[in-house]
Amino acid sequence: MTVGIRGMGLIGGSFEKALSALGHTVLNLRNDAALKLPKCDIVIVALPPSMVSSWVKENAVFFGKGAVVFDVSGVKSEICASLKEFSLSSDWVFIGGHPMAGKEVSGYENSDAELFRGASMILTPYPETDHEVISRLKKLFAEIGFAKTVVTDPARHDQMIAYTSQLAHVVSSAYVRDELSEFHDGFSAGSYQDMTRVATVDPDLWTDLFLSNSEALDIVLSRLIGRLFEYRDAINSSDAVKLKRLLQEGRDSKIKAK
């Protein structure tokens, strides 16, 4: 199989290394897309969300008949909506995708063929998408090392990612900006490391991700702020009964979510 990849950062580079290790031919589509794209059975678009749709539309004329194109960005609704009519009227297939894997660092130099080992891959196909295409992709992802492929719709994806990923990055960034952060050495252990692990984000990429999913992110962020006020009020009023109840609810929620 020949796979073309546009965007050789952490995710694109990891796909390149994983696919090459399996014996597939991988083409870097940064230059000469007009010559390389017709040869591709699969095209992976590993660009920031704001660049995905325009790149696909600008290069669609070069896609081979039957080619499967999927992106790997962290938001789906905006991208899938903008490409739906365009792609469904073409002889190639577009499917939204998002590998649930990453690192605190970015760039091709940090990419790894084993990055996706045990992770889940999310697909957001259109209702009209041929199930055979989805089956082919599931097989490929399993070969790469993904533990599962989750198929959902773009809105549900963005709702869940706002909670499981984007909210965590907002909290981590806000937490580490405290005036005491620079003095943490000698006073911090696992809890501090867990809370700050994803604070070293790429500001450009994550600004794009947050703003591309602002509605869903605002909802979960607002709910979190409300819960934080509950804890603060219980602490300020020395309300041990309420505080214990809140902590117990958090404990129960964590146990239930396992």
C-alpha atoms as a PDB file:
ATOM      1  CA  MET A   1       0.000   0.000   0.000  1.00  0.00           C
ATOM      2  CA  THR A   2       1.151   3.541  -0.714  1.00  0.00           C
ATOM      3  CA  VAL A   3       0.345   6.146   1.913  1.00  0.00           C
ATOM      4  CA  GLY A   4       0.884   9.868   1.534  1.00  0.00           C
ATOM      5  CA  ILE A   5       1.262  12.067   4.599  1.00  0.00           C
ATOM      6  CA  ARG A   6       0.955  15.850   4.682  1.00  0.00           C
ATOM      7  CA  GLY A   7       2.433  17.187   7.885  1.00  0.00           C
ATOM      8  CA  MET A   8       5.444  15.453   9.383  1.00  0.00           C
ATOM      9  CA  GLY A   9       5.157  16.520  13.002  1.00  0.00           C
ATOM     10  CA  LEU A  10       4.741  14.229  15.990  1.00  0.00           C
ATOM     11  CA  ILE A  11       1.608  12.470  14.708  1.00  0.00           C
ATOM     12  CA  GLY A  12       2.385  12.480  10.998  1.00  0.00           C
ATOM     13  CA  GLY A  13       5.938  11.344  11.674  1.00  0.00           C
ATOM     14  CA  SER A  14       4.753   8.548  13.947  1.00  0.00           C
ATOM     15  CA  PHE A  15       2.360   7.311  11.253  1.00  0.00           C
ATOM     16  CA  GLU A  16       5.231   7.425   8.750  1.00  0.00           C
ATOM     17  CA  LYS A  17       7.497   5.333  10.975  1.00  0.00           C
ATOM     18  CA  ALA A  18       4.780   2.855  11.950  1.00  0.00           C
ATOM     19  CA  LEU A  19       3.610   2.328   8.363  1.00  0.00           C
ATOM     20  CA  SER A  20       7.167   2.055   7.009  1.00  0.00           C
ATOM     21  CA  ALA A  21       7.950  -0.579   9.637  1.00  0.00           C
ATOM     22  CA  LEU A  22       5.031  -2.599   8.290  1.00  0.00           C
ATOM     23  CA  GLY A  23       6.449  -2.464   4.773  1.00  0.00           C
ATOM     24  CA  HIS A  24       4.124   0.150   3.310  1.00  0.00           C
ATOM     25  CA  THR A  25       5.451   2.859   0.999  1.00  0.00           C
ATOM     26  CA  VAL A  26       5.138   6.269   2.634  1.00  0.00           C
ATOM     27  CA  LEU A  27       5.367   9.533   0.677  1.00  0.00           C
ATOM     28  CA  ASN A  28       5.965  12.927   2.272  1.00  0.00           C
ATOM     29  CA  LEU A  29       3.472  15.252   0.581  1.00  0.00           C
ATOM     30  CA  ARG A  30       5.092  18.506   1.589  1.00  0.00           C
ATOM     31  CA  ASN A  31       6.294  19.095  -1.976  1.00  0.00           C
ATOM     32  CA  ASP A  32       5.303  17.775  -5.417  1.00  0.00           C
ATOM     33  CA  ALA A  33       1.831  16.701  -4.280  1.00  0.00           C
ATOM     34  CA  ALA A  34       0.672  16.759  -7.901  1.00  0.00           C
ATOM     35  CA  LEU A  35       3.134  13.966  -8.708  1.00  0.00           C
ATOM     36  CA  LYS A  36       2.818  11.938  -5.498  1.00  0.00           C
ATOM     37  CA  LEU A  37      -0.903  12.046  -4.688  1.00  0.00           C
ATOM     38  CA  PRO A  38      -2.135   9.973  -7.674  1.00  0.00           C
ATOM     39  CA  LYS A  39      -0.036   7.061  -6.367  1.00  0.00           C
ATOM     40  CA  CYS A  40      -1.561   7.120  -2.873  1.00  0.00           C
ATOM     41  CA  ASP A  41      -4.097   4.568  -1.712  1.00  0.00           C
ATOM     42  CA  ILE A  42      -4.431   6.475   1.556  1.00  0.00           C
ATOM     43  CA  VAL A  43      -3.736  10.130   2.331  1.00  0.00           C
ATOM     44  CA  ILE A  44      -3.208  11.232   5.932  1.00  0.00           C
ATOM     45  CA  VAL A  45      -3.619  14.957   6.594  1.00  0.00           C
ATOM     46  CA  ALA A  46      -1.679  15.753   9.772  1.00  0.00           C
ATOM     47  CA  LEU A  47      -2.087  19.534   9.734  1.00  0.00           C
ATOM     48  CA  PRO A  48      -3.544  21.960  12.300  1.00  0.00           C
ATOM     49  CA  PRO A  49      -7.372  22.015  12.183  1.00  0.00           C
ATOM     50  CA  SER A  50      -7.600  25.387  10.451  1.00  0.00           C
ATOM     51  CA  MET A  51      -5.494  24.104   7.537  1.00  0.00           C
ATOM     52  CA  VAL A  52      -7.095  20.710   6.865  1.00  0.00           C
ATOM     53  CA  SER A  53     -10.091  21.673   4.725  1.00  0.00           C
ATOM     54  CA  SER A  54      -8.220  24.122   2.526  1.00  0.00           C
ATOM     55  CA  TRP A  55      -5.413  21.642   1.865  1.00  0.00           C
ATOM     56  CA  VAL A  56      -7.849  18.873   0.927  1.00  0.00           C
ATOM     57  CA  LYS A  57      -9.807  21.141  -1.413  1.00  0.00           C
ATOM     58  CA  GLU A  58      -6.685  22.558  -3.038  1.00  0.00           C
ATOM     59  CA  ASN A  59      -5.219  19.109  -3.710  1.00  0.00           C
ATOM     60  CA  ALA A  60      -8.360  17.052  -4.357  1.00  0.00           C
ATOM     61  CA  VAL A  61      -7.825  17.195  -8.110  1.00  0.00           C
ATOM     62  CA  PHE A  62      -4.731  15.031  -7.631  1.00  0.00           C
ATOM     63  CA  PHE A  63      -6.334  12.308  -5.486  1.00  0.00           C
ATOM     64  CA  GLY A  64      -6.529   8.960  -7.225  1.00  0.00           C
ATOM     65  CA  LYS A  65      -9.882   7.293  -7.795  1.00  0.00           C
ATOM     66  CA  GLY A  66     -10.901   5.361  -4.680  1.00  0.00           C
ATOM     67  CA  ALA A  67      -8.282   7.000  -2.471  1.00  0.00           C
ATOM     68  CA  VAL A  68      -9.153   7.245   1.234  1.00  0.00           C
ATOM     69  CA  VAL A  69      -8.308  10.581   2.827  1.00  0.00           C
ATOM     70  CA  PHE A  70      -8.444  11.123   6.572  1.00  0.00           C
ATOM     71  CA  ASP A  71      -7.198  13.848   8.883  1.00  0.00           C
ATOM     72  CA  VAL A  72      -5.833  13.356  12.392  1.00  0.00           C
ATOM     73  CA  SER A  73      -6.647  16.684  14.045  1.00  0.00           C
ATOM     74  CA  GLY A  74      -8.255  16.992  17.460  1.00  0.00           C
ATOM     75  CA  VAL A  75     -11.553  18.552  16.314  1.00  0.00           C
ATOM     76  CA  LYS A  76     -13.989  17.107  13.840  1.00  0.00           C
ATOM     77  CA  SER A  77     -17.292  18.992  13.424  1.00  0.00           C
ATOM     78  CA  GLU A  78     -15.946  22.012  11.582  1.00  0.00           C
ATOM     79  CA  ILE A  79     -13.704  19.976   9.278  1.00  0.00           C
ATOM     80  CA  CYS A  80     -16.225  17.258   8.446  1.00  0.00           C
ATOM     81  CA  ALA A  81     -18.982  19.775   7.764  1.00  0.00           C
ATOM     82  CA  SER A  82     -16.824  21.855   5.448  1.00  0.00           C
ATOM     83  CA  LEU A  83     -15.760  18.826   3.397  1.00  0.00           C
ATOM     84  CA  LYS A  84     -18.971  16.791   3.326  1.00  0.00           C
ATOM     85  CA  GLU A  85     -20.643  18.031   0.144  1.00  0.00           C
ATOM     86  CA  PHE A  86     -17.296  18.410  -1.596  1.00  0.00           C
ATOM     87  CA  SER A  87     -16.050  14.922  -0.804  1.00  0.00           C
ATOM     88  CA  LEU A  88     -19.331  13.032  -1.286  1.00  0.00           C
ATOM     89  CA  SER A  89     -19.512  14.310  -4.847  1.00  0.00           C
ATOM     90  CA  SER A  90     -15.984  13.026  -5.584  1.00  0.00           C
ATOM     91  CA  ASP A  91     -14.542   9.616  -6.513  1.00  0.00           C
ATOM     92  CA  TRP A  92     -12.372   9.549  -3.391  1.00  0.00           C
ATOM     93  CA  VAL A  93     -13.444   9.215   0.262  1.00  0.00           C
ATOM     94  CA  PHE A  94     -12.896  11.548   3.199  1.00  0.00           C
ATOM     95  CA  ILE A  95     -13.224  10.375   6.799  1.00  0.00           C
ATOM     96  CA  GLY A  96     -12.487  12.402   9.906  1.00  0.00           C
ATOM     97  CA  GLY A  97      -9.977  10.766  12.227  1.00  0.00           C
ATOM     98  CA  HIS A  98      -8.251  11.368  15.548  1.00  0.00           C
ATOM     99  CA  PRO A  99      -5.618   9.092  17.149  1.00  0.00           C
ATOM    100  CA  MET A 100      -5.833   9.251  20.924  1.00  0.00           C
ATOM    101  CA  ALA A 101      -2.090   9.315  21.450  1.00  0.00           C
ATOM    102  CA  GLY A 102       0.559  11.938  21.926  1.00  0.00           C
ATOM    103  CA  LYS A 103       3.416  13.313  23.975  1.00  0.00           C
ATOM    104  CA  GLU A 104       4.156  16.468  25.934  1.00  0.00           C
ATOM    105  CA  VAL A 105       6.623  17.394  23.177  1.00  0.00           C
ATOM    106  CA  SER A 106       6.017  17.978  19.482  1.00  0.00           C
ATOM    107  CA  GLY A 107       7.917  17.719  16.204  1.00  0.00           C
ATOM    108  CA  TYR A 108       9.143  14.964  13.915  1.00  0.00           C
ATOM    109  CA  GLU A 109      12.219  14.423  16.088  1.00  0.00           C
ATOM    110  CA  ASN A 110       9.922  13.150  18.834  1.00  0.00           C
ATOM    111  CA  SER A 111       7.827  10.897  16.589  1.00  0.00           C
ATOM    112  CA  ASP A 112       7.797   7.177  17.349  1.00  0.00           C
ATOM    113  CA  ALA A 113       6.621   4.092  15.462  1.00  0.00           C
ATOM    114  CA  GLU A 114       5.258   2.755  18.776  1.00  0.00           C
ATOM    115  CA  LEU A 115       3.320   5.900  19.696  1.00  0.00           C
ATOM    116  CA  PHE A 116      -0.044   4.349  18.825  1.00  0.00           C
ATOM    117  CA  ARG A 117       0.546   1.015  20.552  1.00  0.00           C
ATOM    118  CA  GLY A 118      -2.484   0.288  22.744  1.00  0.00           C
ATOM    119  CA  ALA A 119      -4.221   3.577  21.893  1.00  0.00           C
ATOM    120  CA  SER A 120      -7.652   4.112  20.389  1.00  0.00           C
ATOM    121  CA  MET A 121      -8.336   5.632  16.981  1.00  0.00           C
ATOM    122  CA  ILE A 122     -11.518   7.640  16.493  1.00  0.00           C
ATOM    123  CA  LEU A 123     -13.267   7.814  13.115  1.00  0.00           C
ATOM    124  CA  THR A 124     -16.138  10.157  12.259  1.00  0.00           C
ATOM    125  CA  PRO A 125     -17.401   8.953   8.868  1.00  0.00           C
ATOM    126  CA  TYR A 126     -20.433  10.414   7.108  1.00  0.00           C
ATOM    127  CA  PRO A 127     -23.599   8.289   7.198  1.00  0.00           C
ATOM    128  CA  GLU A 128     -23.075   7.743   3.466  1.00  0.00           C
ATOM    129  CA  THR A 129     -19.552   6.341   3.880  1.00  0.00           C
ATOM    130  CA  ASP A 130     -19.077   2.793   2.584  1.00  0.00           C
ATOM    131  CA  HIS A 131     -18.670   0.398   5.518  1.00  0.00           C
ATOM    132  CA  GLU A 132     -16.033  -1.508   3.549  1.00  0.00           C
ATOM    133  CA  VAL A 133     -13.789   1.558   3.671  1.00  0.00           C
ATOM    134  CA  ILE A 134     -14.189   1.768   7.437  1.00  0.00           C
ATOM    135  CA  SER A 135     -13.362  -1.935   7.759  1.00  0.00           C
ATOM    136  CA  ARG A 136     -10.182  -1.452   5.725  1.00  0.00           C
ATOM    137  CA  LEU A 137      -9.070   1.375   7.957  1.00  0.00           C
ATOM    138  CA  LYS A 138      -9.838  -0.584  11.110  1.00  0.00           C
ATOM    139  CA  LYS A 139      -7.626  -3.399   9.848  1.00  0.00           C
ATOM    140  CA  LEU A 140      -4.803  -0.990   9.075  1.00  0.00           C
ATOM    141  CA  PHE A 141      -5.038   0.685  12.475  1.00  0.00           C
ATOM    142  CA  ALA A 142      -4.911  -2.699  14.196  1.00  0.00           C
ATOM    143  CA  GLU A 143      -1.735  -3.522  12.261  1.00  0.00           C
ATOM    144  CA  ILE A 144      -0.179  -0.239  13.369  1.00  0.00           C
ATOM    145  CA  GLY A 145      -0.885  -1.150  16.998  1.00  0.00           C
ATOM    146  CA  PHE A 146      -4.101   0.632  17.922  1.00  0.00           C
ATOM    147  CA  ALA A 147      -6.070  -1.349  20.497  1.00  0.00           C
ATOM    148  CA  LYS A 148      -9.443  -0.240  19.174  1.00  0.00           C
ATOM    149  CA  THR A 149     -11.171   1.962  16.618  1.00  0.00           C
ATOM    150  CA  VAL A 150     -14.136   3.979  17.865  1.00  0.00           C
ATOM    151  CA  VAL A 151     -16.669   5.099  15.263  1.00  0.00           C
ATOM    152  CA  THR A 152     -18.820   8.083  16.224  1.00  0.00           C
ATOM    153  CA  ASP A 153     -20.211  11.316  14.804  1.00  0.00           C
ATOM    154  CA  PRO A 154     -18.251  14.613  14.739  1.00  0.00           C
ATOM    155  CA  ALA A 155     -20.388  16.378  17.366  1.00  0.00           C
ATOM    156  CA  ARG A 156     -20.016  13.550  19.884  1.00  0.00           C
ATOM    157  CA  HIS A 157     -16.280  13.417  19.215  1.00  0.00           C
ATOM    158  CA  ASP A 158     -15.868  17.127  19.899  1.00  0.00           C
ATOM    159  CA  GLN A 159     -17.999  16.960  23.036  1.00  0.00           C
ATOM    160  CA  MET A 160     -15.969  14.100  24.498  1.00  0.00           C
ATOM    161  CA  ILE A 161     -12.561  15.485  23.460  1.00  0.00           C
ATOM    162  CA  ALA A 162     -13.427  18.839  25.017  1.00  0.00           C
ATOM    163  CA  TYR A 163     -13.779  16.951  28.305  1.00  0.00           C
ATOM    164  CA  THR A 164     -11.134  14.205  28.109  1.00  0.00           C
ATOM    165  CA  SER A 165      -8.348  16.211  26.470  1.00  0.00           C
ATOM    166  CA  GLN A 166      -8.841  19.930  25.969  1.00  0.00           C
ATOM    167  CA  LEU A 167     -10.180  20.669  29.454  1.00  0.00           C
ATOM    168  CA  ALA A 168      -7.209  18.847  30.989  1.00  0.00           C
ATOM    169  CA  HIS A 169      -4.817  21.009  28.982  1.00  0.00           C
ATOM    170  CA  VAL A 170      -6.573  24.215  30.050  1.00  0.00           C
ATOM    171  CA  VAL A 171      -6.487  23.168  33.715  1.00  0.00           C
ATOM    172  CA  SER A 172      -2.827  22.147  33.534  1.00  0.00           C
ATOM    173  CA  SER A 173      -1.828  25.433  31.911  1.00  0.00           C
ATOM    174  CA  ALA A 174      -3.785  27.511  34.413  1.00  0.00           C
ATOM    175  CA  TYR A 175      -2.513  25.485  37.378  1.00  0.00           C
ATOM    176  CA  VAL A 176       1.177  25.862  36.549  1.00  0.00           C
ATOM    177  CA  ARG A 177       0.827  29.643  36.095  1.00  0.00           C
ATOM    178  CA  ASP A 178       0.425  30.107  39.859  1.00  0.00           C
ATOM    179  CA  GLU A 179       3.031  32.354  41.522  1.00  0.00           C
ATOM    180  CA  LEU A 180       4.238  29.420  43.647  1.00  0.00           C
ATOM    181  CA  SER A 181       5.044  27.210  40.673  1.00  0.00           C
ATOM    182  CA  GLU A 182       8.651  28.349  40.296  1.00  0.00           C
ATOM    183  CA  PHE A 183       9.367  27.256  43.878  1.00  0.00           C
ATOM    184  CA  HIS A 184       7.897  23.737  43.575  1.00  0.00           C
ATOM    185  CA  ASP A 185      11.242  21.872  43.644  1.00  0.00           C
ATOM    186  CA  GLY A 186      11.549  19.933  46.871  1.00  0.00           C
ATOM    187  CA  PHE A 187       7.861  20.378  47.648  1.00  0.00           C
ATOM    188  CA  SER A 188       6.318  18.457  44.757  1.00  0.00           C
ATOM    189  CA  ALA A 189       5.787  14.818  43.924  1.00  0.00           C
ATOM    190  CA  GLY A 190       3.431  12.776  41.780  1.00  0.00           C
ATOM    191  CA  SER A 191       0.382  14.992  42.155  1.00  0.00           C
ATOM    192  CA  TYR A 192       2.245  18.045  40.864  1.00  0.00           C
ATOM    193  CA  GLN A 193       3.778  16.096  38.004  1.00  0.00           C
ATOM    194  CA  ASP A 194       0.401  14.666  36.996  1.00  0.00           C
ATOM    195  CA  MET A 195      -1.242  18.092  37.033  1.00  0.00           C
ATOM    196  CA  THR A 196       1.477  19.836  35.040  1.00  0.00           C
ATOM    197  CA  ARG A 197       2.440  17.103  32.561  1.00  0.00           C
ATOM    198  CA  VAL A 198       0.530  18.557  29.620  1.00  0.00           C
ATOM    199  CA  ALA A 199       1.210  22.231  30.352  1.00  0.00           C
ATOM    200  CA  THR A 200       4.130  22.342  27.889  1.00  0.00           C
ATOM    201  CA  VAL A 201       1.821  22.481  24.876  1.00  0.00           C
ATOM    202  CA  ASP A 202       2.484  24.060  21.510  1.00  0.00           C
ATOM    203  CA  PRO A 203       0.653  27.398  21.984  1.00  0.00           C
ATOM    204  CA  ASP A 204      -0.109  27.824  18.283  1.00  0.00           C
ATOM    205  CA  LEU A 205      -1.554  24.337  17.813  1.00  0.00           C
ATOM    206  CA  TRP A 206      -3.608  24.311  21.004  1.00  0.00           C
ATOM    207  CA  THR A 207      -4.980  27.810  20.433  1.00  0.00           C
ATOM    208  CA  ASP A 208      -6.207  26.485  17.081  1.00  0.00           C
ATOM    209  CA  LEU A 209      -7.704  23.399  18.746  1.00  0.00           C
ATOM    210  CA  PHE A 210      -9.423  25.327  21.543  1.00  0.00           C
ATOM    211  CA  LEU A 211     -10.934  27.938  19.236  1.00  0.00           C
ATOM    212  CA  SER A 212     -12.022  25.331  16.698  1.00  0.00           C
ATOM    213  CA  ASN A 213     -13.983  23.589  19.469  1.00  0.00           C
ATOM    214  CA  SER A 214     -14.889  26.635  21.550  1.00  0.00           C
ATOM    215  CA  GLU A 215     -18.572  25.829  22.075  1.00  0.00           C
ATOM    216  CA  ALA A 216     -18.030  22.332  23.446  1.00  0.00           C
ATOM    217  CA  LEU A 217     -15.003  23.432  25.477  1.00  0.00           C
ATOM    218  CA  ASP A 218     -16.892  26.365  27.006  1.00  0.00           C
ATOM    219  CA  ILE A 219     -19.620  24.022  28.262  1.00  0.00           C
ATOM    220  CA  VAL A 220     -17.297  21.642  30.116  1.00  0.00           C
ATOM    221  CA  LEU A 221     -15.067  24.485  31.341  1.00  0.00           C
ATOM    222  CA  SER A 222     -18.081  26.319  32.766  1.00  0.00           C
ATOM    223  CA  ARG A 223     -19.257  23.168  34.546  1.00  0.00           C
ATOM    224  CA  LEU A 224     -15.780  22.699  36.059  1.00  0.00           C
ATOM    225  CA  ILE A 225     -15.642  26.307  37.254  1.00  0.00           C
ATOM    226  CA  GLY A 226     -19.003  25.788  38.944  1.00  0.00           C
ATOM    227  CA  ARG A 227     -17.746  22.683  40.742  1.00  0.00           C
ATOM    228  CA  LEU A 228     -14.586  24.486  41.869  1.00  0.00           C
ATOM    229  CA  PHE A 229     -16.736  27.178  43.464  1.00  0.00           C
ATOM    230  CA  GLU A 230     -18.529  24.419  45.398  1.00  0.00           C
ATOM    231  CA  TYR A 231     -15.227  23.212  46.865  1.00  0.00           C
ATOM    232  CA  ARG A 232     -14.059  26.753  47.624  1.00  0.00           C
ATOM    233  CA  ASP A 233     -17.327  27.662  49.352  1.00  0.00           C
ATOM    234  CA  ALA A 234     -17.253  24.504  51.478  1.00  0.00           C
ATOM    235  CA  ILE A 235     -13.648  25.200  52.516  1.00  0.00           C
ATOM    236  CA  ASN A 236     -14.257  28.898  53.232  1.00  0.00           C
ATOM    237  CA  SER A 237     -17.306  28.114  55.372  1.00  0.00           C
ATOM    238  CA  SER A 238     -15.592  25.188  57.146  1.00  0.00           C
ATOM    239  CA  ASP A 239     -18.462  23.015  56.002  1.00  0.00           C
ATOM    240  CA  ALA A 240     -16.931  19.601  56.645  1.00  0.00           C
ATOM    241  CA  VAL A 241     -20.130  17.740  55.747  1.00  0.00           C
ATOM    242  CA  LYS A 242     -20.383  19.356  52.314  1.00  0.00           C
ATOM    243  CA  LEU A 243     -16.656  19.032  51.647  1.00  0.00           C
ATOM    244  CA  LYS A 244     -16.666  15.350  52.549  1.00  0.00           C
ATOM    245  CA  ARG A 245     -19.675  14.815  50.271  1.00  0.00           C
ATOM    246  CA  LEU A 246     -17.929  16.537  47.350  1.00  0.00           C
ATOM    247  CA  LEU A 247     -14.775  14.499  47.854  1.00  0.00           C
ATOM    248  CA  GLN A 248     -16.790  11.292  48.106  1.00  0.00           C
ATOM    249  CA  GLU A 249     -18.645  12.148  44.892  1.00  0.00           C
ATOM    250  CA  GLY A 250     -15.312  12.725  43.148  1.00  0.00           C
ATOM    251  CA  ARG A 251     -13.964   9.433  44.471  1.00  0.00           C
ATOM    252  CA  ASP A 252     -17.078   7.552  43.383  1.00  0.00           C
ATOM    253  CA  SER A 253     -16.979   9.134  39.930  1.00  0.00           C
ATOM    254  CA  LYS A 254     -13.360   8.095  39.440  1.00  0.00           C
ATOM    255  CA  ILE A 255     -14.076   4.510  40.528  1.00  0.00           C
ATOM    256  CA  LYS A 256     -17.129   4.327  38.279  1.00  0.00           C
ATOM    257  CA  ALA A 257     -15.206   5.696  35.282  1.00  0.00           C
ATOM    258  CA  LYS A 258     -12.493   3.010  35.418  1.00  0.00           C
END
